Amino acid sequence: MSVTADLAAFGAHDSALIQMVPLVDFPRDIEVKPGALVEFSVGTDDLAAGQVLEVNDGQVKVDFNHPMIGKNLRFEVQMLVVIERCG
């Protein structure tokens, strides 16, 4: 079974989820560079993951859209059991 990108399996790309984050908000022990995946605490218990797009003048452009948006998906499914309902 295939799901093409135009069917939006992970939703539509949202440009509002591309945000500028100050470089000082990143931990000092990680290398902030384009392509890096980062996580931020949101609220008390939630995490938001994003991908670094650019680093310029102390600002980091981060894309918080799901990384699979725009990708074609292919699933291999194996049916193990068929259960018939009675009644």
N, C-alpha and C. Protein backbone atom coordinates (compact mmCIF):
# COMPACT_ATOMS: atom_id res chain seq x y z
N MET A 1 0.85 -1.17 0.00
CA MET A 1 0.00 0.00 0.00
C MET A 1 0.89 1.23 0.00
N SER A 2 0.56 2.22 -0.80
CA SER A 2 1.34 3.44 -0.87
C SER A 2 0.48 4.65 -0.55
N VAL A 3 1.08 5.63 0.06
CA VAL A 3 0.44 6.91 0.32
C VAL A 3 1.35 7.97 -0.28
N THR A 4 0.85 8.70 -1.26
CA THR A 4 1.69 9.71 -1.91
C THR A 4 1.64 11.01 -1.12
N ALA A 5 2.65 11.83 -1.31
CA ALA A 5 2.77 13.08 -0.56
C ALA A 5 1.56 13.98 -0.73
N ASP A 6 0.90 13.93 -1.91
CA ASP A 6 -0.25 14.80 -2.12
C ASP A 6 -1.45 14.41 -1.25
N LEU A 7 -1.43 13.22 -0.65
CA LEU A 7 -2.51 12.82 0.26
C LEU A 7 -2.25 13.31 1.69
N ALA A 8 -1.13 13.92 1.92
CA ALA A 8 -0.79 14.57 3.19
C ALA A 8 -0.94 13.64 4.39
N ALA A 9 -0.20 12.54 4.38
CA ALA A 9 -0.27 11.58 5.48
C ALA A 9 0.10 12.22 6.81
N PHE A 10 0.99 13.19 6.80
CA PHE A 10 1.41 13.85 8.04
C PHE A 10 0.93 15.29 8.10
N GLY A 11 -0.11 15.59 7.35
CA GLY A 11 -0.65 16.94 7.35
C GLY A 11 0.04 17.81 6.31
N ALA A 12 -0.45 19.02 6.21
CA ALA A 12 0.11 19.97 5.24
C ALA A 12 1.23 20.77 5.89
N HIS A 13 2.18 21.17 5.07
CA HIS A 13 3.27 22.01 5.55
C HIS A 13 2.69 23.34 6.03
N ASP A 14 3.11 23.79 7.21
CA ASP A 14 2.61 25.02 7.80
C ASP A 14 3.77 25.98 7.99
N SER A 15 3.80 27.05 7.20
CA SER A 15 4.91 28.00 7.28
C SER A 15 4.99 28.69 8.64
N ALA A 16 3.89 28.71 9.40
CA ALA A 16 3.91 29.29 10.75
C ALA A 16 4.76 28.46 11.71
N LEU A 17 5.05 27.21 11.34
CA LEU A 17 5.87 26.34 12.19
C LEU A 17 7.36 26.48 11.90
N ILE A 18 7.72 27.40 11.02
CA ILE A 18 9.12 27.75 10.82
C ILE A 18 9.35 29.02 11.63
N GLN A 19 10.20 28.90 12.64
CA GLN A 19 10.37 30.00 13.58
C GLN A 19 11.83 30.35 13.80
N MET A 20 12.06 31.60 14.15
CA MET A 20 13.39 32.06 14.52
C MET A 20 13.55 31.89 16.03
N VAL A 21 14.64 31.27 16.43
CA VAL A 21 14.93 31.02 17.84
C VAL A 21 16.31 31.60 18.15
N PRO A 22 16.43 32.38 19.22
CA PRO A 22 17.77 32.91 19.56
C PRO A 22 18.76 31.78 19.81
N LEU A 23 19.96 31.95 19.29
CA LEU A 23 21.00 30.94 19.47
C LEU A 23 21.29 30.68 20.94
N VAL A 24 21.13 31.68 21.79
CA VAL A 24 21.40 31.52 23.22
C VAL A 24 20.40 30.57 23.90
N ASP A 25 19.27 30.27 23.24
CA ASP A 25 18.28 29.33 23.80
C ASP A 25 18.70 27.86 23.62
N PHE A 26 19.76 27.61 22.87
CA PHE A 26 20.23 26.25 22.63
C PHE A 26 21.29 25.89 23.67
N PRO A 27 21.31 24.63 24.11
CA PRO A 27 22.36 24.20 25.03
C PRO A 27 23.74 24.40 24.40
N ARG A 28 24.72 24.75 25.21
CA ARG A 28 26.07 24.99 24.70
C ARG A 28 26.76 23.72 24.21
N ASP A 29 26.28 22.55 24.67
CA ASP A 29 26.97 21.30 24.32
C ASP A 29 26.52 20.69 23.00
N ILE A 30 25.62 21.36 22.26
CA ILE A 30 25.24 20.82 20.95
C ILE A 30 25.71 21.76 19.85
N GLU A 31 26.05 21.17 18.72
CA GLU A 31 26.46 21.97 17.56
C GLU A 31 25.21 22.33 16.76
N VAL A 32 24.92 23.61 16.72
CA VAL A 32 23.73 24.08 16.01
C VAL A 32 24.15 24.40 14.58
N LYS A 33 23.73 23.53 13.65
CA LYS A 33 24.07 23.72 12.24
C LYS A 33 22.91 23.23 11.39
N PRO A 34 22.80 23.71 10.14
CA PRO A 34 21.71 23.27 9.27
C PRO A 34 21.65 21.75 9.16
N GLY A 35 20.43 21.23 9.28
CA GLY A 35 20.20 19.79 9.22
C GLY A 35 20.10 19.13 10.58
N ALA A 36 20.58 19.81 11.63
CA ALA A 36 20.54 19.23 12.98
C ALA A 36 19.10 19.13 13.47
N LEU A 37 18.79 18.05 14.17
CA LEU A 37 17.49 17.87 14.79
C LEU A 37 17.59 18.29 16.24
N VAL A 38 16.63 19.10 16.69
CA VAL A 38 16.67 19.63 18.05
C VAL A 38 15.32 19.43 18.73
N GLU A 39 15.33 19.40 20.06
CA GLU A 39 14.10 19.30 20.85
C GLU A 39 14.06 20.46 21.83
N PHE A 40 12.84 20.97 22.03
CA PHE A 40 12.63 22.04 22.99
C PHE A 40 11.53 21.63 23.95
N SER A 41 11.64 22.04 25.19
CA SER A 41 10.56 21.85 26.16
C SER A 41 9.47 22.86 25.86
N VAL A 42 8.24 22.38 25.84
CA VAL A 42 7.09 23.24 25.62
C VAL A 42 6.16 23.01 26.80
N GLY A 43 5.91 24.03 27.57
CA GLY A 43 5.09 23.85 28.76
C GLY A 43 5.86 23.04 29.78
N THR A 44 5.13 22.25 30.56
CA THR A 44 5.78 21.50 31.63
C THR A 44 6.16 20.08 31.23
N ASP A 45 5.39 19.46 30.33
CA ASP A 45 5.62 18.05 30.02
C ASP A 45 5.83 17.73 28.55
N ASP A 46 5.65 18.69 27.67
CA ASP A 46 5.69 18.41 26.24
C ASP A 46 7.02 18.79 25.62
N LEU A 47 7.35 18.11 24.53
CA LEU A 47 8.54 18.42 23.75
C LEU A 47 8.13 18.76 22.33
N ALA A 48 8.87 19.67 21.71
CA ALA A 48 8.68 19.99 20.30
C ALA A 48 10.00 19.72 19.59
N ALA A 49 9.94 18.95 18.52
CA ALA A 49 11.14 18.63 17.75
C ALA A 49 11.15 19.47 16.47
N GLY A 50 12.34 19.87 16.06
CA GLY A 50 12.47 20.65 14.85
C GLY A 50 13.80 20.41 14.18
N GLN A 51 13.90 20.89 12.95
CA GLN A 51 15.15 20.76 12.19
C GLN A 51 15.70 22.15 11.92
N VAL A 52 16.98 22.33 12.20
CA VAL A 52 17.64 23.61 11.97
C VAL A 52 17.79 23.82 10.46
N LEU A 53 17.32 24.97 10.00
CA LEU A 53 17.43 25.32 8.58
C LEU A 53 18.60 26.25 8.32
N GLU A 54 18.75 27.27 9.18
CA GLU A 54 19.81 28.27 9.00
C GLU A 54 20.28 28.78 10.35
N VAL A 55 21.52 29.25 10.38
CA VAL A 55 22.06 29.92 11.56
C VAL A 55 22.69 31.22 11.07
N ASN A 56 22.15 32.38 11.51
CA ASN A 56 22.64 33.68 11.07
C ASN A 56 22.53 34.71 12.18
N ASP A 57 23.61 35.42 12.44
CA ASP A 57 23.59 36.56 13.36
C ASP A 57 22.93 36.26 14.70
N GLY A 58 23.26 35.12 15.29
CA GLY A 58 22.71 34.78 16.61
C GLY A 58 21.28 34.30 16.59
N GLN A 59 20.72 34.09 15.40
CA GLN A 59 19.36 33.58 15.25
C GLN A 59 19.39 32.26 14.50
N VAL A 60 18.51 31.36 14.89
CA VAL A 60 18.44 30.04 14.27
C VAL A 60 17.04 29.85 13.70
N LYS A 61 16.96 29.55 12.40
CA LYS A 61 15.67 29.26 11.78
C LYS A 61 15.41 27.77 11.94
N VAL A 62 14.29 27.43 12.63
CA VAL A 62 13.96 26.05 12.94
C VAL A 62 12.61 25.71 12.33
N ASP A 63 12.54 24.57 11.66
CA ASP A 63 11.29 24.06 11.07
C ASP A 63 10.70 23.02 12.00
N PHE A 64 9.54 23.35 12.60
CA PHE A 64 8.87 22.45 13.53
C PHE A 64 7.81 21.58 12.85
N ASN A 65 7.73 21.61 11.52
CA ASN A 65 6.84 20.71 10.79
C ASN A 65 7.35 19.28 10.94
N HIS A 66 6.46 18.30 10.83
CA HIS A 66 6.87 16.89 10.89
C HIS A 66 7.85 16.61 9.76
N PRO A 67 8.95 15.92 10.04
CA PRO A 67 9.96 15.68 9.00
C PRO A 67 9.49 14.81 7.83
N MET A 68 8.38 14.11 7.97
CA MET A 68 7.89 13.27 6.87
C MET A 68 6.88 13.98 5.97
N ILE A 69 6.55 15.24 6.29
CA ILE A 69 5.64 16.00 5.41
C ILE A 69 6.27 16.10 4.03
N GLY A 70 5.47 15.84 3.02
CA GLY A 70 5.95 15.93 1.65
C GLY A 70 6.66 14.69 1.13
N LYS A 71 6.71 13.64 1.94
CA LYS A 71 7.37 12.40 1.53
C LYS A 71 6.31 11.37 1.12
N ASN A 72 6.63 10.57 0.13
CA ASN A 72 5.79 9.44 -0.22
C ASN A 72 6.05 8.31 0.77
N LEU A 73 5.01 7.61 1.17
CA LEU A 73 5.14 6.52 2.14
C LEU A 73 4.74 5.22 1.47
N ARG A 74 5.41 4.17 1.86
CA ARG A 74 5.05 2.84 1.36
C ARG A 74 4.97 1.90 2.55
N PHE A 75 3.85 1.21 2.68
CA PHE A 75 3.64 0.28 3.77
C PHE A 75 3.57 -1.13 3.22
N GLU A 76 4.18 -2.06 3.90
CA GLU A 76 4.01 -3.47 3.59
C GLU A 76 3.19 -4.06 4.73
N VAL A 77 2.08 -4.70 4.36
CA VAL A 77 1.14 -5.21 5.34
C VAL A 77 0.99 -6.71 5.15
N GLN A 78 1.01 -7.43 6.24
CA GLN A 78 0.79 -8.87 6.21
C GLN A 78 -0.40 -9.18 7.09
N MET A 79 -1.43 -9.82 6.50
CA MET A 79 -2.61 -10.19 7.25
C MET A 79 -2.31 -11.51 7.97
N LEU A 80 -2.45 -11.49 9.27
CA LEU A 80 -2.13 -12.67 10.06
C LEU A 80 -3.35 -13.51 10.38
N VAL A 81 -4.48 -12.87 10.61
CA VAL A 81 -5.68 -13.59 11.02
C VAL A 81 -6.91 -12.87 10.49
N VAL A 82 -7.92 -13.63 10.12
CA VAL A 82 -9.22 -13.08 9.78
C VAL A 82 -10.21 -13.58 10.81
N ILE A 83 -10.88 -12.68 11.47
CA ILE A 83 -11.86 -13.03 12.51
C ILE A 83 -13.23 -12.69 11.97
N GLU A 84 -14.08 -13.70 11.89
CA GLU A 84 -15.44 -13.48 11.42
C GLU A 84 -16.35 -13.24 12.60
N ARG A 85 -17.22 -12.28 12.45
CA ARG A 85 -18.18 -11.98 13.51
C ARG A 85 -19.44 -12.81 13.29
N CYS A 86 -19.97 -13.33 14.34
CA CYS A 86 -21.23 -14.07 14.27
C CYS A 86 -22.35 -13.16 14.76
N GLY A 87 -23.44 -13.15 13.99
CA GLY A 87 -24.61 -12.41 14.45
C GLY A 87 -24.61 -11.08 13.95
